[in-house]
Amino acid sequence: MTIEFRAEFPFLQIQPLHRNVYSDAVLNNFKVVTELSMIPGEDWARFEETVIEPNTQQPRAMGHYAVAVRKRRKTTDVGHD
């Protein structure tokens, strides 16, 4: 079966991380969830807010996520180098 990738829809996004972010202490700090019932309600709420809800808003402009991130960065990165 042929798989086609369309140029106007990104397949993935890569973001470089500072070296201290991917240290062994950080990478080895995770939990394995064996059942969905083990996921806290707060995590489900954040998942719905960031994954489910944006994909139900139609029509959604191309680049919507990138625009939102840039706007958020402007308000949270003020005064940081």
N, C-alpha and C. Protein backbone atom coordinates (compact mmCIF):
# COMPACT_ATOMS: atom_id res chain seq x y z
N MET A 1 0.85 -1.17 0.00
CA MET A 1 0.00 0.00 0.00
C MET A 1 0.90 1.24 0.00
N THR A 2 0.58 2.18 -0.83
CA THR A 2 1.34 3.42 -0.92
C THR A 2 0.90 4.37 0.20
N ILE A 3 1.87 4.99 0.83
CA ILE A 3 1.59 6.01 1.85
C ILE A 3 2.06 7.33 1.30
N GLU A 4 1.15 8.30 1.26
CA GLU A 4 1.48 9.62 0.72
C GLU A 4 1.54 10.64 1.86
N PHE A 5 2.52 11.50 1.79
CA PHE A 5 2.66 12.60 2.73
C PHE A 5 2.43 13.89 1.97
N ARG A 6 1.53 14.70 2.46
CA ARG A 6 1.22 15.95 1.80
C ARG A 6 2.09 17.06 2.38
N ALA A 7 2.67 17.85 1.52
CA ALA A 7 3.60 18.91 1.94
C ALA A 7 2.94 19.96 2.82
N GLU A 8 1.64 20.19 2.62
CA GLU A 8 0.98 21.25 3.40
C GLU A 8 0.53 20.79 4.79
N PHE A 9 0.69 19.50 5.10
CA PHE A 9 0.36 18.99 6.42
C PHE A 9 1.60 18.35 7.03
N PRO A 10 2.13 18.94 8.11
CA PRO A 10 3.36 18.41 8.71
C PRO A 10 3.18 16.99 9.22
N PHE A 11 4.19 16.18 9.00
CA PHE A 11 4.20 14.80 9.47
C PHE A 11 4.64 14.75 10.94
N LEU A 12 5.62 15.55 11.28
CA LEU A 12 6.09 15.63 12.65
C LEU A 12 6.76 16.98 12.88
N GLN A 13 7.00 17.27 14.13
CA GLN A 13 7.65 18.52 14.50
C GLN A 13 8.80 18.17 15.43
N ILE A 14 9.94 18.74 15.15
CA ILE A 14 11.12 18.49 15.96
C ILE A 14 11.50 19.79 16.67
N GLN A 15 11.78 19.68 17.95
CA GLN A 15 12.19 20.84 18.71
C GLN A 15 13.47 20.51 19.45
N PRO A 16 14.52 21.27 19.19
CA PRO A 16 15.77 21.00 19.92
C PRO A 16 15.61 21.31 21.41
N LEU A 17 16.26 20.50 22.22
CA LEU A 17 16.21 20.68 23.66
C LEU A 17 17.62 20.92 24.19
N HIS A 18 17.69 21.74 25.21
CA HIS A 18 18.98 21.99 25.85
C HIS A 18 19.47 20.70 26.50
N ARG A 19 20.75 20.51 26.53
CA ARG A 19 21.37 19.29 27.02
C ARG A 19 20.91 18.90 28.43
N ASN A 20 20.69 19.89 29.31
CA ASN A 20 20.29 19.55 30.69
C ASN A 20 18.87 18.99 30.76
N VAL A 21 18.08 19.17 29.71
CA VAL A 21 16.72 18.65 29.70
C VAL A 21 16.71 17.14 29.48
N TYR A 22 17.65 16.63 28.75
CA TYR A 22 17.65 15.19 28.48
C TYR A 22 18.75 14.44 29.22
N SER A 23 19.02 14.87 30.44
CA SER A 23 19.97 14.16 31.28
C SER A 23 19.35 12.84 31.75
N ASP A 24 20.16 11.93 32.24
CA ASP A 24 19.65 10.64 32.72
C ASP A 24 18.62 10.82 33.83
N ALA A 25 18.86 11.81 34.69
CA ALA A 25 17.93 12.04 35.80
C ALA A 25 16.55 12.40 35.28
N VAL A 26 16.48 13.16 34.21
CA VAL A 26 15.20 13.56 33.64
C VAL A 26 14.60 12.43 32.82
N LEU A 27 15.40 11.82 31.97
CA LEU A 27 14.89 10.76 31.10
C LEU A 27 14.43 9.53 31.87
N ASN A 28 15.03 9.27 33.00
CA ASN A 28 14.66 8.09 33.78
C ASN A 28 13.57 8.37 34.81
N ASN A 29 13.02 9.58 34.79
CA ASN A 29 11.97 9.97 35.73
C ASN A 29 10.61 9.86 35.02
N PHE A 30 10.09 8.66 34.93
CA PHE A 30 8.79 8.45 34.29
C PHE A 30 8.06 7.31 35.00
N LYS A 31 6.77 7.24 34.75
CA LYS A 31 5.95 6.18 35.33
C LYS A 31 5.29 5.41 34.19
N VAL A 32 5.14 4.13 34.37
CA VAL A 32 4.44 3.29 33.41
C VAL A 32 3.00 3.13 33.89
N VAL A 33 2.07 3.43 33.02
CA VAL A 33 0.65 3.29 33.34
C VAL A 33 0.14 2.06 32.60
N THR A 34 -0.34 1.10 33.36
CA THR A 34 -0.80 -0.15 32.75
C THR A 34 -2.30 -0.16 32.46
N GLU A 35 -3.03 0.77 33.07
CA GLU A 35 -4.48 0.86 32.85
C GLU A 35 -4.87 2.33 32.75
N LEU A 36 -5.80 2.62 31.86
CA LEU A 36 -6.23 4.00 31.68
C LEU A 36 -6.82 4.59 32.97
N SER A 37 -7.38 3.76 33.80
CA SER A 37 -7.97 4.24 35.06
C SER A 37 -6.92 4.79 36.01
N MET A 38 -5.64 4.49 35.75
CA MET A 38 -4.55 4.98 36.61
C MET A 38 -4.14 6.41 36.27
N ILE A 39 -4.64 6.93 35.15
CA ILE A 39 -4.28 8.29 34.73
C ILE A 39 -5.16 9.28 35.49
N PRO A 40 -4.55 10.24 36.19
CA PRO A 40 -5.33 11.21 36.99
C PRO A 40 -6.26 12.05 36.12
N GLY A 41 -7.36 12.46 36.71
CA GLY A 41 -8.34 13.30 36.02
C GLY A 41 -7.74 14.58 35.47
N GLU A 42 -6.79 15.16 36.18
CA GLU A 42 -6.14 16.40 35.73
C GLU A 42 -5.40 16.17 34.41
N ASP A 43 -4.74 15.01 34.29
CA ASP A 43 -4.04 14.70 33.04
C ASP A 43 -5.03 14.52 31.89
N TRP A 44 -6.17 13.87 32.17
CA TRP A 44 -7.18 13.72 31.12
C TRP A 44 -7.71 15.08 30.68
N ALA A 45 -7.90 15.98 31.64
CA ALA A 45 -8.41 17.32 31.32
C ALA A 45 -7.42 18.06 30.42
N ARG A 46 -6.12 17.96 30.74
CA ARG A 46 -5.11 18.61 29.90
C ARG A 46 -5.04 17.98 28.52
N PHE A 47 -5.19 16.65 28.45
CA PHE A 47 -5.20 15.96 27.16
C PHE A 47 -6.37 16.45 26.32
N GLU A 48 -7.54 16.53 26.93
CA GLU A 48 -8.72 17.00 26.19
C GLU A 48 -8.52 18.44 25.71
N GLU A 49 -7.95 19.28 26.57
CA GLU A 49 -7.73 20.69 26.23
C GLU A 49 -6.74 20.86 25.09
N THR A 50 -5.68 20.06 25.07
CA THR A 50 -4.62 20.26 24.07
C THR A 50 -4.74 19.39 22.83
N VAL A 51 -5.43 18.24 22.92
CA VAL A 51 -5.51 17.33 21.78
C VAL A 51 -6.93 17.24 21.22
N ILE A 52 -7.89 16.97 22.07
CA ILE A 52 -9.25 16.72 21.60
C ILE A 52 -9.95 18.01 21.17
N GLU A 53 -10.00 18.98 22.07
CA GLU A 53 -10.75 20.21 21.80
C GLU A 53 -10.29 20.95 20.55
N PRO A 54 -8.99 21.18 20.35
CA PRO A 54 -8.57 21.90 19.15
C PRO A 54 -8.97 21.19 17.86
N ASN A 55 -9.05 19.88 17.88
CA ASN A 55 -9.38 19.13 16.67
C ASN A 55 -10.88 19.06 16.40
N THR A 56 -11.69 19.59 17.30
CA THR A 56 -13.13 19.63 17.07
C THR A 56 -13.57 20.99 16.56
N GLN A 57 -12.69 21.97 16.59
CA GLN A 57 -13.01 23.32 16.11
C GLN A 57 -12.79 23.37 14.60
N GLN A 58 -13.89 23.46 13.86
CA GLN A 58 -13.80 23.48 12.40
C GLN A 58 -14.34 24.79 11.88
N PRO A 59 -13.87 25.37 10.84
CA PRO A 59 -12.59 25.01 10.25
C PRO A 59 -11.45 25.57 11.07
N ARG A 60 -10.39 24.86 11.11
CA ARG A 60 -9.20 25.26 11.87
C ARG A 60 -8.14 25.69 10.87
N ALA A 61 -7.68 26.91 10.99
CA ALA A 61 -6.72 27.46 10.04
C ALA A 61 -5.39 26.71 10.10
N MET A 62 -4.78 26.54 8.93
CA MET A 62 -3.45 25.92 8.90
C MET A 62 -2.48 26.82 9.66
N GLY A 63 -1.61 26.23 10.43
CA GLY A 63 -0.64 27.00 11.21
C GLY A 63 -1.19 27.51 12.52
N HIS A 64 -2.41 27.11 12.87
CA HIS A 64 -3.06 27.59 14.09
C HIS A 64 -2.20 27.34 15.32
N TYR A 65 -1.65 26.14 15.44
CA TYR A 65 -0.84 25.79 16.60
C TYR A 65 0.41 26.67 16.68
N ALA A 66 1.09 26.87 15.55
CA ALA A 66 2.31 27.68 15.54
C ALA A 66 2.02 29.11 15.97
N VAL A 67 0.91 29.65 15.50
CA VAL A 67 0.54 31.02 15.89
C VAL A 67 0.27 31.08 17.38
N ALA A 68 -0.46 30.12 17.91
CA ALA A 68 -0.77 30.10 19.34
C ALA A 68 0.49 30.00 20.18
N VAL A 69 1.44 29.16 19.75
CA VAL A 69 2.70 29.00 20.50
C VAL A 69 3.49 30.31 20.50
N ARG A 70 3.58 30.97 19.36
CA ARG A 70 4.31 32.25 19.30
C ARG A 70 3.67 33.30 20.19
N LYS A 71 2.36 33.36 20.20
CA LYS A 71 1.67 34.33 21.06
C LYS A 71 1.93 34.00 22.54
N ARG A 72 1.84 32.72 22.88
CA ARG A 72 2.07 32.31 24.27
C ARG A 72 3.51 32.61 24.67
N ARG A 73 4.46 32.37 23.78
CA ARG A 73 5.87 32.60 24.07
C ARG A 73 6.12 34.09 24.34
N LYS A 74 5.47 34.95 23.59
CA LYS A 74 5.65 36.39 23.78
C LYS A 74 5.23 36.82 25.19
N THR A 75 4.18 36.22 25.71
CA THR A 75 3.69 36.62 27.03
C THR A 75 4.46 35.95 28.16
N THR A 76 5.03 34.76 27.92
CA THR A 76 5.72 34.06 29.01
C THR A 76 7.23 34.26 29.01
N ASP A 77 7.82 34.65 27.87
CA ASP A 77 9.27 34.79 27.78
C ASP A 77 9.76 36.23 27.93
N VAL A 78 8.90 37.11 28.36
CA VAL A 78 9.30 38.50 28.50
C VAL A 78 10.42 38.62 29.53
N GLY A 79 11.53 39.24 29.14
CA GLY A 79 12.66 39.42 30.05
C GLY A 79 13.63 38.27 30.09
N HIS A 80 13.38 37.20 29.32
CA HIS A 80 14.30 36.06 29.27
C HIS A 80 15.14 36.12 28.03
N ASP A 81 16.38 35.66 28.12
CA ASP A 81 17.26 35.64 26.95
C ASP A 81 17.16 34.33 26.24
